[in-house]
């Protein structure tokens, strides 16, 4: 309940933004401030319905918005723990983006492995 000018701690920024000091970076697409993935995990722990899209956003982990490595693996762990409220469209985008990243590195076998984890295939 403190005013904005009297904050007692910096926002939990992703590690690549911490060097900038106590600055809140806004997400361009949603207008929400970027937070560290650990912050999102704590929020998910306290509220099982916390929005997974924010947590799995690559920019909460790395400065490269196209690096889906940790996001995909984190999603697989969360899915194994019965967190299933990620939108189907977001799941598809996460799988396809990571598979494309692997394929661009010449790791097409692993890209196929990732695409085999799509839960909603007919």
Protein backbone atom coordinates (compact mmCIF):
# COMPACT_ATOMS: atom_id res chain seq x y z
CA UNK A 1 0.00 0.00 0.00
CA UNK A 2 2.89 2.38 -0.61
CA UNK A 3 2.74 5.06 -3.29
CA UNK A 4 4.74 4.56 -6.48
CA UNK A 5 7.45 7.00 -5.39
CA UNK A 6 8.02 5.11 -2.11
CA UNK A 7 8.71 1.60 -3.40
CA UNK A 8 10.96 -0.35 -1.09
CA UNK A 9 12.17 -2.92 -3.65
CA UNK A 10 12.69 -3.15 -7.37
CA UNK A 11 10.36 -5.17 -9.54
CA UNK A 12 11.57 -8.73 -10.20
CA UNK A 13 13.00 -8.17 -13.66
CA UNK A 14 14.46 -10.89 -15.87
CA UNK A 15 18.22 -11.27 -15.34
CA UNK A 16 19.14 -9.54 -18.60
CA UNK A 17 17.26 -6.41 -17.47
CA UNK A 18 18.61 -6.25 -13.93
CA UNK A 19 21.70 -4.30 -15.01
CA UNK A 20 19.40 -1.45 -16.06
CA UNK A 21 18.39 -0.79 -12.44
CA UNK A 22 14.88 -0.43 -11.07
CA UNK A 23 13.08 0.10 -14.37
CA UNK A 24 9.81 -1.55 -15.38
CA UNK A 25 9.86 -2.79 -18.96
CA UNK A 26 6.41 -3.09 -20.56
CA UNK A 27 5.48 -5.94 -22.84
CA UNK A 28 4.62 -4.48 -26.26
CA UNK A 29 1.77 -6.87 -27.06
CA UNK A 30 -0.16 -6.84 -23.76
CA UNK A 31 0.99 -3.74 -21.91
CA UNK A 32 1.94 -5.83 -18.84
CA UNK A 33 5.37 -5.32 -17.30
CA UNK A 34 7.96 -8.04 -17.87
CA UNK A 35 8.80 -10.11 -14.79
CA UNK A 36 11.38 -12.77 -14.02
CA UNK A 37 10.33 -16.39 -14.58
CA UNK A 38 10.93 -17.13 -10.87
CA UNK A 39 8.37 -14.45 -9.98
CA UNK A 40 5.84 -16.11 -12.29
CA UNK A 41 6.56 -19.52 -10.75
CA UNK A 42 5.91 -18.12 -7.27
CA UNK A 43 2.66 -16.57 -8.47
CA UNK A 44 1.64 -19.91 -9.99
CA UNK A 45 2.44 -21.64 -6.71
CA UNK A 46 0.19 -19.25 -4.82
CA UNK A 47 -2.58 -19.33 -7.46
CA UNK A 48 -2.93 -22.49 -9.60
CA UNK A 49 -4.97 -20.51 -12.14
CA UNK A 50 -2.21 -17.94 -12.76
CA UNK A 51 -1.81 -17.15 -16.45
CA UNK A 52 0.76 -19.49 -17.98
CA UNK A 53 1.31 -17.34 -21.07
CA UNK A 54 3.25 -14.81 -18.99
CA UNK A 55 5.33 -17.49 -17.32
CA UNK A 56 6.27 -19.20 -20.60
CA UNK A 57 7.09 -15.99 -22.47
CA UNK A 58 10.74 -16.31 -23.56
CA UNK A 59 11.37 -12.67 -22.60
CA UNK A 60 10.85 -13.56 -18.93
CA UNK A 61 13.95 -15.76 -19.25
CA UNK A 62 16.21 -14.41 -22.00
CA UNK A 63 16.68 -11.30 -24.09
CA UNK A 64 16.07 -13.31 -27.28
CA UNK A 65 12.29 -13.37 -27.82
CA UNK A 66 12.68 -16.30 -30.25
CA UNK A 67 14.55 -18.60 -27.85
CA UNK A 68 11.95 -21.13 -26.72
CA UNK A 69 14.31 -23.71 -25.19
CA UNK A 70 13.61 -23.16 -21.51
CA UNK A 71 9.99 -22.14 -22.09
CA UNK A 72 9.19 -25.44 -23.83
CA UNK A 73 10.94 -27.57 -21.21
CA UNK A 74 9.28 -25.62 -18.41
CA UNK A 75 5.88 -26.18 -20.06
CA UNK A 76 6.53 -29.93 -20.21
CA UNK A 77 7.37 -29.98 -16.49
CA UNK A 78 4.25 -27.95 -15.64
CA UNK A 79 2.12 -30.21 -17.80
CA UNK A 80 3.49 -33.24 -15.93
CA UNK A 81 2.42 -31.51 -12.70
CA UNK A 82 -1.17 -31.23 -14.06
CA UNK A 83 -1.08 -27.55 -14.98
CA UNK A 84 -3.19 -27.69 -18.10
CA UNK A 85 -4.76 -24.25 -18.44
CA UNK A 86 -2.47 -22.99 -21.22
CA UNK A 87 -4.58 -22.06 -24.22
CA UNK A 88 -4.48 -24.60 -27.04
CA UNK A 89 -3.27 -21.92 -29.46
CA UNK A 90 -0.40 -21.01 -27.10
CA UNK A 91 0.57 -24.67 -26.77
CA UNK A 92 0.72 -25.03 -30.53
CA UNK A 93 2.75 -21.85 -30.91
CA UNK A 94 5.19 -22.97 -28.22
CA UNK A 95 5.69 -26.40 -29.81
CA UNK A 96 5.97 -25.04 -33.35
CA UNK A 97 8.36 -22.24 -32.34
CA UNK A 98 10.72 -24.55 -30.48
CA UNK A 99 10.60 -27.11 -33.29
CA UNK A 100 11.43 -24.39 -35.83
CA UNK A 101 14.30 -23.21 -33.63
CA UNK A 102 15.71 -26.74 -33.47
CA UNK A 103 15.26 -27.29 -37.19
CA UNK A 104 17.09 -24.05 -38.00
CA UNK A 105 20.04 -25.39 -36.00
CA UNK A 106 20.04 -28.59 -38.05
CA UNK A 107 18.53 -30.65 -35.24
CA UNK A 108 15.50 -31.87 -37.20
CA UNK A 109 15.30 -35.15 -35.25
CA UNK A 110 14.75 -33.17 -32.05
CA UNK A 111 12.25 -30.93 -33.83
CA UNK A 112 10.21 -34.04 -34.65
CA UNK A 113 10.50 -35.11 -30.99
CA UNK A 114 9.10 -31.76 -29.86
CA UNK A 115 6.23 -31.93 -32.34
CA UNK A 116 5.34 -35.42 -31.09
CA UNK A 117 4.54 -33.83 -27.72
CA UNK A 118 1.56 -31.97 -29.16
CA UNK A 119 -1.28 -33.21 -26.93
CA UNK A 120 -4.19 -32.29 -29.22
CA UNK A 121 -3.34 -34.10 -32.43
CA UNK A 122 -5.93 -36.28 -34.13
